[in-house]
Amino acid sequence: MNITVYTTTTCPYCRMLKEYFNQNSIPFTEKLVDQDDQARQQMMLDSGGFLGVPFTTIEKEGLPKETVVGFDKARLDTILGINNDIH
């Protein structure tokens, strides 16, 4: 699995998203779109022109690339198979 997170240096939701991945021991690659023109161009290609952050792409072998706009914990839990329910 390959996860890329497009962020900016000042985005609080980006920090929350990175904490989520770290707390769940999920490796990811961060690309700062406010400092890297190439990263911004790639994000625009993957998102269909969307420029909001955080923007995440998740690639699993043999499956179509998944994209997540913002810090959508429920969607990420579903895509990644994480069950954080407390019983």
PDB file of N, CA and C in Angstrom:
ATOM      1  N   MET A   1       0.852  -1.179   0.000  1.00  0.00           N
ATOM      2  CA  MET A   1       0.000   0.000   0.000  1.00  0.00           C
ATOM      3  C   MET A   1       0.892   1.235   0.000  1.00  0.00           C
ATOM      4  N   ASN A   2       0.477   2.230  -0.774  1.00  0.00           N
ATOM      5  CA  ASN A   2       1.236   3.470  -0.886  1.00  0.00           C
ATOM      6  C   ASN A   2       0.290   4.632  -0.582  1.00  0.00           C
ATOM      7  N   ILE A   3       0.600   5.394   0.464  1.00  0.00           N
ATOM      8  CA  ILE A   3      -0.242   6.526   0.865  1.00  0.00           C
ATOM      9  C   ILE A   3       0.551   7.809   0.694  1.00  0.00           C
ATOM     10  N   THR A   4      -0.052   8.768  -0.015  1.00  0.00           N
ATOM     11  CA  THR A   4       0.544  10.090  -0.178  1.00  0.00           C
ATOM     12  C   THR A   4      -0.415  11.113   0.400  1.00  0.00           C
ATOM     13  N   VAL A   5       0.118  11.988   1.247  1.00  0.00           N
ATOM     14  CA  VAL A   5      -0.674  13.031   1.880  1.00  0.00           C
ATOM     15  C   VAL A   5      -0.154  14.377   1.388  1.00  0.00           C
ATOM     16  N   TYR A   6      -1.032  15.131   0.744  1.00  0.00           N
ATOM     17  CA  TYR A   6      -0.688  16.470   0.272  1.00  0.00           C
ATOM     18  C   TYR A   6      -1.132  17.463   1.335  1.00  0.00           C
ATOM     19  N   THR A   7      -0.180  18.274   1.825  1.00  0.00           N
ATOM     20  CA  THR A   7      -0.438  19.173   2.943  1.00  0.00           C
ATOM     21  C   THR A   7       0.181  20.542   2.679  1.00  0.00           C
ATOM     22  N   THR A   8      -0.080  21.449   3.631  1.00  0.00           N
ATOM     23  CA  THR A   8       0.647  22.718   3.689  1.00  0.00           C
ATOM     24  C   THR A   8       1.243  22.837   5.086  1.00  0.00           C
ATOM     25  N   THR A   9       2.167  23.748   5.245  1.00  0.00           N
ATOM     26  CA  THR A   9       2.860  23.901   6.525  1.00  0.00           C
ATOM     27  C   THR A   9       1.959  24.485   7.613  1.00  0.00           C
ATOM     28  N   THR A  10       0.871  25.146   7.241  1.00  0.00           N
ATOM     29  CA  THR A  10       0.042  25.842   8.230  1.00  0.00           C
ATOM     30  C   THR A  10      -1.314  25.193   8.498  1.00  0.00           C
ATOM     31  N   CYS A  11      -1.614  24.078   7.870  1.00  0.00           N
ATOM     32  CA  CYS A  11      -2.952  23.482   7.926  1.00  0.00           C
ATOM     33  C   CYS A  11      -3.161  22.630   9.181  1.00  0.00           C
ATOM     34  N   PRO A  12      -4.108  23.012  10.072  1.00  0.00           N
ATOM     35  CA  PRO A  12      -4.341  22.215  11.278  1.00  0.00           C
ATOM     36  C   PRO A  12      -4.936  20.838  10.978  1.00  0.00           C
ATOM     37  N   TYR A  13      -5.757  20.724   9.944  1.00  0.00           N
ATOM     38  CA  TYR A  13      -6.335  19.415   9.600  1.00  0.00           C
ATOM     39  C   TYR A  13      -5.273  18.479   9.039  1.00  0.00           C
ATOM     40  N   CYS A  14      -4.263  19.065   8.405  1.00  0.00           N
ATOM     41  CA  CYS A  14      -3.140  18.254   7.915  1.00  0.00           C
ATOM     42  C   CYS A  14      -2.402  17.638   9.100  1.00  0.00           C
ATOM     43  N   ARG A  15      -2.188  18.422  10.149  1.00  0.00           N
ATOM     44  CA  ARG A  15      -1.531  17.905  11.355  1.00  0.00           C
ATOM     45  C   ARG A  15      -2.356  16.783  11.971  1.00  0.00           C
ATOM     46  N   MET A  16      -3.676  16.960  12.028  1.00  0.00           N
ATOM     47  CA  MET A  16      -4.554  15.924  12.582  1.00  0.00           C
ATOM     48  C   MET A  16      -4.468  14.638  11.759  1.00  0.00           C
ATOM     49  N   LEU A  17      -4.438  14.778  10.447  1.00  0.00           N
ATOM     50  CA  LEU A  17      -4.355  13.617   9.562  1.00  0.00           C
ATOM     51  C   LEU A  17      -3.039  12.872   9.770  1.00  0.00           C
ATOM     52  N   LYS A  18      -1.936  13.613   9.860  1.00  0.00           N
ATOM     53  CA  LYS A  18      -0.637  12.974  10.067  1.00  0.00           C
ATOM     54  C   LYS A  18      -0.596  12.269  11.426  1.00  0.00           C
ATOM     55  N   GLU A  19      -1.185  12.882  12.453  1.00  0.00           N
ATOM     56  CA  GLU A  19      -1.267  12.240  13.776  1.00  0.00           C
ATOM     57  C   GLU A  19      -2.071  10.945  13.695  1.00  0.00           C
ATOM     58  N   TYR A  20      -3.162  10.955  12.940  1.00  0.00           N
ATOM     59  CA  TYR A  20      -3.995   9.765  12.754  1.00  0.00           C
ATOM     60  C   TYR A  20      -3.162   8.622  12.173  1.00  0.00           C
ATOM     61  N   PHE A  21      -2.416   8.910  11.103  1.00  0.00           N
ATOM     62  CA  PHE A  21      -1.579   7.874  10.490  1.00  0.00           C
ATOM     63  C   PHE A  21      -0.508   7.391  11.469  1.00  0.00           C
ATOM     64  N   ASN A  22       0.135   8.313  12.178  1.00  0.00           N
ATOM     65  CA  ASN A  22       1.180   7.929  13.127  1.00  0.00           C
ATOM     66  C   ASN A  22       0.623   7.096  14.280  1.00  0.00           C
ATOM     67  N   GLN A  23      -0.538   7.478  14.814  1.00  0.00           N
ATOM     68  CA  GLN A  23      -1.151   6.727  15.916  1.00  0.00           C
ATOM     69  C   GLN A  23      -1.529   5.313  15.493  1.00  0.00           C
ATOM     70  N   ASN A  24      -1.851   5.131  14.221  1.00  0.00           N
ATOM     71  CA  ASN A  24      -2.225   3.814  13.706  1.00  0.00           C
ATOM     72  C   ASN A  24      -1.053   3.096  13.045  1.00  0.00           C
ATOM     73  N   SER A  25       0.160   3.646  13.208  1.00  0.00           N
ATOM     74  CA  SER A  25       1.396   3.062  12.653  1.00  0.00           C
ATOM     75  C   SER A  25       1.279   2.778  11.157  1.00  0.00           C
ATOM     76  N   ILE A  26       0.736   3.759  10.437  1.00  0.00           N
ATOM     77  CA  ILE A  26       0.561   3.629   8.990  1.00  0.00           C
ATOM     78  C   ILE A  26       1.569   4.549   8.304  1.00  0.00           C
ATOM     79  N   PRO A  27       2.488   3.957   7.532  1.00  0.00           N
ATOM     80  CA  PRO A  27       3.476   4.801   6.839  1.00  0.00           C
ATOM     81  C   PRO A  27       2.830   5.598   5.703  1.00  0.00           C
ATOM     82  N   PHE A  28       3.325   6.811   5.508  1.00  0.00           N
ATOM     83  CA  PHE A  28       2.818   7.668   4.445  1.00  0.00           C
ATOM     84  C   PHE A  28       3.927   8.583   3.963  1.00  0.00           C
ATOM     85  N   THR A  29       3.735   9.129   2.777  1.00  0.00           N
ATOM     86  CA  THR A  29       4.644  10.124   2.229  1.00  0.00           C
ATOM     87  C   THR A  29       3.924  11.456   2.256  1.00  0.00           C
ATOM     88  N   GLU A  30       4.579  12.463   2.813  1.00  0.00           N
ATOM     89  CA  GLU A  30       3.986  13.807   2.855  1.00  0.00           C
ATOM     90  C   GLU A  30       4.585  14.657   1.750  1.00  0.00           C
ATOM     91  N   LYS A  31       3.706  15.393   1.064  1.00  0.00           N
ATOM     92  CA  LYS A  31       4.148  16.339   0.043  1.00  0.00           C
ATOM     93  C   LYS A  31       3.560  17.700   0.377  1.00  0.00           C
ATOM     94  N   LEU A  32       4.434  18.676   0.568  1.00  0.00           N
ATOM     95  CA  LEU A  32       4.016  20.032   0.938  1.00  0.00           C
ATOM     96  C   LEU A  32       3.731  20.847  -0.315  1.00  0.00           C
ATOM     97  N   VAL A  33       2.457  21.045  -0.594  1.00  0.00           N
ATOM     98  CA  VAL A  33       2.079  21.729  -1.839  1.00  0.00           C
ATOM     99  C   VAL A  33       2.328  23.229  -1.792  1.00  0.00           C
ATOM    100  N   ASP A  34       2.568  23.787  -0.595  1.00  0.00           N
ATOM    101  CA  ASP A  34       2.882  25.214  -0.521  1.00  0.00           C
ATOM    102  C   ASP A  34       4.388  25.467  -0.695  1.00  0.00           C
ATOM    103  N   GLN A  35       5.175  24.397  -0.808  1.00  0.00           N
ATOM    104  CA  GLN A  35       6.619  24.545  -1.001  1.00  0.00           C
ATOM    105  C   GLN A  35       7.146  23.790  -2.218  1.00  0.00           C
ATOM    106  N   ASP A  36       6.305  22.957  -2.828  1.00  0.00           N
ATOM    107  CA  ASP A  36       6.762  22.071  -3.900  1.00  0.00           C
ATOM    108  C   ASP A  36       5.790  22.146  -5.082  1.00  0.00           C
ATOM    109  N   ASP A  37       6.220  22.853  -6.134  1.00  0.00           N
ATOM    110  CA  ASP A  37       5.357  23.036  -7.308  1.00  0.00           C
ATOM    111  C   ASP A  37       4.998  21.705  -7.964  1.00  0.00           C
ATOM    112  N   GLN A  38       5.941  20.765  -8.000  1.00  0.00           N
ATOM    113  CA  GLN A  38       5.681  19.462  -8.600  1.00  0.00           C
ATOM    114  C   GLN A  38       4.598  18.714  -7.809  1.00  0.00           C
ATOM    115  N   ALA A  39       4.675  18.788  -6.492  1.00  0.00           N
ATOM    116  CA  ALA A  39       3.672  18.135  -5.642  1.00  0.00           C
ATOM    117  C   ALA A  39       2.297  18.751  -5.885  1.00  0.00           C
ATOM    118  N   ARG A  40       2.249  20.074  -6.011  1.00  0.00           N
ATOM    119  CA  ARG A  40       0.968  20.756  -6.265  1.00  0.00           C
ATOM    120  C   ARG A  40       0.385  20.309  -7.605  1.00  0.00           C
ATOM    121  N   GLN A  41       1.233  20.195  -8.625  1.00  0.00           N
ATOM    122  CA  GLN A  41       0.765  19.746  -9.944  1.00  0.00           C
ATOM    123  C   GLN A  41       0.232  18.311  -9.873  1.00  0.00           C
ATOM    124  N   GLN A  42       0.939  17.425  -9.151  1.00  0.00           N
ATOM    125  CA  GLN A  42       0.495  16.038  -9.021  1.00  0.00           C
ATOM    126  C   GLN A  42      -0.836  15.968  -8.270  1.00  0.00           C
ATOM    127  N   MET A  43      -0.975  16.767  -7.225  1.00  0.00           N
ATOM    128  CA  MET A  43      -2.229  16.798  -6.478  1.00  0.00           C
ATOM    129  C   MET A  43      -3.374  17.254  -7.379  1.00  0.00           C
ATOM    130  N   MET A  44      -3.137  18.262  -8.199  1.00  0.00           N
ATOM    131  CA  MET A  44      -4.180  18.741  -9.102  1.00  0.00           C
ATOM    132  C   MET A  44      -4.587  17.655 -10.095  1.00  0.00           C
ATOM    133  N   LEU A  45      -3.622  16.878 -10.585  1.00  0.00           N
ATOM    134  CA  LEU A  45      -3.935  15.768 -11.495  1.00  0.00           C
ATOM    135  C   LEU A  45      -4.783  14.713 -10.793  1.00  0.00           C
ATOM    136  N   ASP A  46      -4.368  14.328  -9.590  1.00  0.00           N
ATOM    137  CA  ASP A  46      -5.063  13.265  -8.846  1.00  0.00           C
ATOM    138  C   ASP A  46      -6.445  13.699  -8.362  1.00  0.00           C
ATOM    139  N   SER A  47      -6.600  15.002  -8.094  1.00  0.00           N
ATOM    140  CA  SER A  47      -7.847  15.486  -7.501  1.00  0.00           C
ATOM    141  C   SER A  47      -8.816  16.074  -8.519  1.00  0.00           C
ATOM    142  N   GLY A  48      -8.407  16.137  -9.769  1.00  0.00           N
ATOM    143  CA  GLY A  48      -9.261  16.763 -10.774  1.00  0.00           C
ATOM    144  C   GLY A  48      -9.283  18.275 -10.665  1.00  0.00           C
ATOM    145  N   GLY A  49      -8.199  18.865 -10.145  1.00  0.00           N
ATOM    146  CA  GLY A  49      -8.081  20.316 -10.049  1.00  0.00           C
ATOM    147  C   GLY A  49      -8.361  20.882  -8.675  1.00  0.00           C
ATOM    148  N   PHE A  50      -8.727  20.036  -7.721  1.00  0.00           N
ATOM    149  CA  PHE A  50      -9.014  20.480  -6.360  1.00  0.00           C
ATOM    150  C   PHE A  50      -7.723  20.920  -5.684  1.00  0.00           C
ATOM    151  N   LEU A  51      -7.762  22.034  -4.959  1.00  0.00           N
ATOM    152  CA  LEU A  51      -6.558  22.556  -4.316  1.00  0.00           C
ATOM    153  C   LEU A  51      -6.643  22.586  -2.796  1.00  0.00           C
ATOM    154  N   GLY A  52      -7.703  22.036  -2.193  1.00  0.00           N
ATOM    155  CA  GLY A  52      -7.814  22.032  -0.730  1.00  0.00           C
ATOM    156  C   GLY A  52      -6.945  20.954  -0.112  1.00  0.00           C
ATOM    157  N   VAL A  53      -6.482  21.215   1.098  1.00  0.00           N
ATOM    158  CA  VAL A  53      -5.682  20.232   1.829  1.00  0.00           C
ATOM    159  C   VAL A  53      -6.325  19.963   3.185  1.00  0.00           C
ATOM    160  N   PRO A  54      -6.067  18.819   3.769  1.00  0.00           N
ATOM    161  CA  PRO A  54      -5.243  17.754   3.224  1.00  0.00           C
ATOM    162  C   PRO A  54      -5.969  16.988   2.119  1.00  0.00           C
ATOM    163  N   PHE A  55      -5.198  16.424   1.229  1.00  0.00           N
ATOM    164  CA  PHE A  55      -5.697  15.561   0.173  1.00  0.00           C
ATOM    165  C   PHE A  55      -4.841  14.304   0.195  1.00  0.00           C
ATOM    166  N   THR A  56      -5.491  13.148   0.242  1.00  0.00           N
ATOM    167  CA  THR A  56      -4.776  11.882   0.407  1.00  0.00           C
ATOM    168  C   THR A  56      -5.079  10.942  -0.749  1.00  0.00           C
ATOM    169  N   THR A  57      -4.029  10.287  -1.247  1.00  0.00           N
ATOM    170  CA  THR A  57      -4.230   9.204  -2.215  1.00  0.00           C
ATOM    171  C   THR A  57      -3.754   7.910  -1.564  1.00  0.00           C
ATOM    172  N   ILE A  58      -4.533   6.856  -1.765  1.00  0.00           N
ATOM    173  CA  ILE A  58      -4.207   5.546  -1.211  1.00  0.00           C
ATOM    174  C   ILE A  58      -4.228   4.542  -2.356  1.00  0.00           C
ATOM    175  N   GLU A  59      -3.080   3.927  -2.592  1.00  0.00           N
ATOM    176  CA  GLU A  59      -2.951   2.942  -3.661  1.00  0.00           C
ATOM    177  C   GLU A  59      -2.704   1.568  -3.045  1.00  0.00           C
ATOM    178  N   LYS A  60      -3.613   0.641  -3.335  1.00  0.00           N
ATOM    179  CA  LYS A  60      -3.451  -0.749  -2.907  1.00  0.00           C
ATOM    180  C   LYS A  60      -3.261  -1.580  -4.162  1.00  0.00           C
ATOM    181  N   GLU A  61      -2.377  -2.553  -4.077  1.00  0.00           N
ATOM    182  CA  GLU A  61      -2.051  -3.376  -5.247  1.00  0.00           C
ATOM    183  C   GLU A  61      -3.301  -4.014  -5.834  1.00  0.00           C
ATOM    184  N   GLY A  62      -3.483  -3.829  -7.145  1.00  0.00           N
ATOM    185  CA  GLY A  62      -4.593  -4.442  -7.847  1.00  0.00           C
ATOM    186  C   GLY A  62      -5.927  -3.730  -7.707  1.00  0.00           C
ATOM    187  N   LEU A  63      -5.946  -2.591  -7.010  1.00  0.00           N
ATOM    188  CA  LEU A  63      -7.194  -1.841  -6.808  1.00  0.00           C
ATOM    189  C   LEU A  63      -7.036  -0.425  -7.364  1.00  0.00           C
ATOM    190  N   PRO A  64      -8.157   0.209  -7.730  1.00  0.00           N
ATOM    191  CA  PRO A  64      -8.072   1.605  -8.193  1.00  0.00           C
ATOM    192  C   PRO A  64      -7.586   2.520  -7.061  1.00  0.00           C
ATOM    193  N   LYS A  65      -6.939   3.606  -7.439  1.00  0.00           N
ATOM    194  CA  LYS A  65      -6.457   4.589  -6.461  1.00  0.00           C
ATOM    195  C   LYS A  65      -7.657   5.227  -5.761  1.00  0.00           C
ATOM    196  N   GLU A  66      -7.596   5.272  -4.427  1.00  0.00           N
ATOM    197  CA  GLU A  66      -8.632   5.939  -3.621  1.00  0.00           C
ATOM    198  C   GLU A  66      -8.134   7.343  -3.288  1.00  0.00           C
ATOM    199  N   THR A  67      -9.055   8.306  -3.256  1.00  0.00           N
ATOM    200  CA  THR A  67      -8.694   9.655  -2.848  1.00  0.00           C
ATOM    201  C   THR A  67      -9.612  10.101  -1.717  1.00  0.00           C
ATOM    202  N   VAL A  68      -9.041  10.877  -0.792  1.00  0.00           N
ATOM    203  CA  VAL A  68      -9.805  11.382   0.339  1.00  0.00           C
ATOM    204  C   VAL A  68      -9.532  12.876   0.455  1.00  0.00           C
ATOM    205  N   VAL A  69     -10.605  13.657   0.441  1.00  0.00           N
ATOM    206  CA  VAL A  69     -10.500  15.106   0.589  1.00  0.00           C
ATOM    207  C   VAL A  69     -10.715  15.447   2.057  1.00  0.00           C
ATOM    208  N   GLY A  70      -9.810  16.247   2.610  1.00  0.00           N
ATOM    209  CA  GLY A  70      -9.921  16.644   4.010  1.00  0.00           C
ATOM    210  C   GLY A  70      -9.518  15.513   4.941  1.00  0.00           C
ATOM    211  N   PHE A  71      -9.775  15.709   6.224  1.00  0.00           N
ATOM    212  CA  PHE A  71      -9.503  14.670   7.220  1.00  0.00           C
ATOM    213  C   PHE A  71     -10.823  13.966   7.507  1.00  0.00           C
ATOM    214  N   ASP A  72     -11.143  12.996   6.662  1.00  0.00           N
ATOM    215  CA  ASP A  72     -12.385  12.225   6.768  1.00  0.00           C
ATOM    216  C   ASP A  72     -12.050  10.899   7.457  1.00  0.00           C
ATOM    217  N   LYS A  73     -12.037  10.926   8.798  1.00  0.00           N
ATOM    218  CA  LYS A  73     -11.602   9.771   9.583  1.00  0.00           C
ATOM    219  C   LYS A  73     -12.428   8.529   9.282  1.00  0.00           C
ATOM    220  N   ALA A  74     -13.730   8.670   9.195  1.00  0.00           N
ATOM    221  CA  ALA A  74     -14.596   7.513   8.943  1.00  0.00           C
ATOM    222  C   ALA A  74     -14.258   6.857   7.606  1.00  0.00           C
ATOM    223  N   ARG A  75     -14.049   7.663   6.590  1.00  0.00           N
ATOM    224  CA  ARG A  75     -13.712   7.108   5.260  1.00  0.00           C
ATOM    225  C   ARG A  75     -12.343   6.451   5.287  1.00  0.00           C
ATOM    226  N   LEU A  76     -11.378   7.096   5.960  1.00  0.00           N
ATOM    227  CA  LEU A  76     -10.043   6.510   6.071  1.00  0.00           C
ATOM    228  C   LEU A  76     -10.098   5.179   6.817  1.00  0.00           C
ATOM    229  N   ASP A  77     -10.847   5.137   7.927  1.00  0.00           N
ATOM    230  CA  ASP A  77     -11.001   3.891   8.681  1.00  0.00           C
ATOM    231  C   ASP A  77     -11.527   2.784   7.769  1.00  0.00           C
ATOM    232  N   THR A  78     -12.519   3.113   6.942  1.00  0.00           N
ATOM    233  CA  THR A  78     -13.114   2.124   6.043  1.00  0.00           C
ATOM    234  C   THR A  78     -12.107   1.647   4.995  1.00  0.00           C
ATOM    235  N   ILE A  79     -11.447   2.580   4.332  1.00  0.00           N
ATOM    236  CA  ILE A  79     -10.483   2.221   3.286  1.00  0.00           C
ATOM    237  C   ILE A  79      -9.339   1.388   3.857  1.00  0.00           C
ATOM    238  N   LEU A  80      -8.877   1.771   5.049  1.00  0.00           N
ATOM    239  CA  LEU A  80      -7.701   1.122   5.638  1.00  0.00           C
ATOM    240  C   LEU A  80      -8.054  -0.085   6.512  1.00  0.00           C
ATOM    241  N   GLY A  81      -9.350  -0.331   6.714  1.00  0.00           N
ATOM    242  CA  GLY A  81      -9.760  -1.474   7.524  1.00  0.00           C
ATOM    243  C   GLY A  81      -9.473  -1.286   8.995  1.00  0.00           C
ATOM    244  N   ILE A  82      -9.583  -0.055   9.466  1.00  0.00           N
ATOM    245  CA  ILE A  82      -9.322   0.241  10.880  1.00  0.00           C
ATOM    246  C   ILE A  82     -10.652   0.306  11.620  1.00  0.00           C
ATOM    247  N   ASN A  83     -10.746  -0.423  12.711  1.00  0.00           N
ATOM    248  CA  ASN A  83     -11.951  -0.411  13.537  1.00  0.00           C
ATOM    249  C   ASN A  83     -11.596   0.193  14.874  1.00  0.00           C
ATOM    250  N   ASN A  84     -11.972   1.451  15.085  1.00  0.00           N
ATOM    251  CA  ASN A  84     -11.653   2.151  16.331  1.00  0.00           C
ATOM    252  C   ASN A  84     -12.844   2.229  17.279  1.00  0.00           C
ATOM    253  N   ASP A  85     -13.864   1.379  17.039  1.00  0.00           N
ATOM    254  CA  ASP A  85     -15.030   1.384  17.937  1.00  0.00           C
ATOM    255  C   ASP A  85     -14.631   0.872  19.311  1.00  0.00           C
ATOM    256  N   ILE A  86     -15.186   1.490  20.332  1.00  0.00           N
ATOM    257  CA  ILE A  86     -14.941   1.054  21.715  1.00  0.00           C
ATOM    258  C   ILE A  86     -16.193   0.335  22.188  1.00  0.00           C
ATOM    259  N   HIS A  87     -16.026  -0.916  22.593  1.00  0.00           N
ATOM    260  CA  HIS A  87     -17.162  -1.718  23.065  1.00  0.00           C
ATOM    261  C   HIS A  87     -17.034  -1.976  24.540  1.00  0.00           C
TER     262      HIS A  87
END
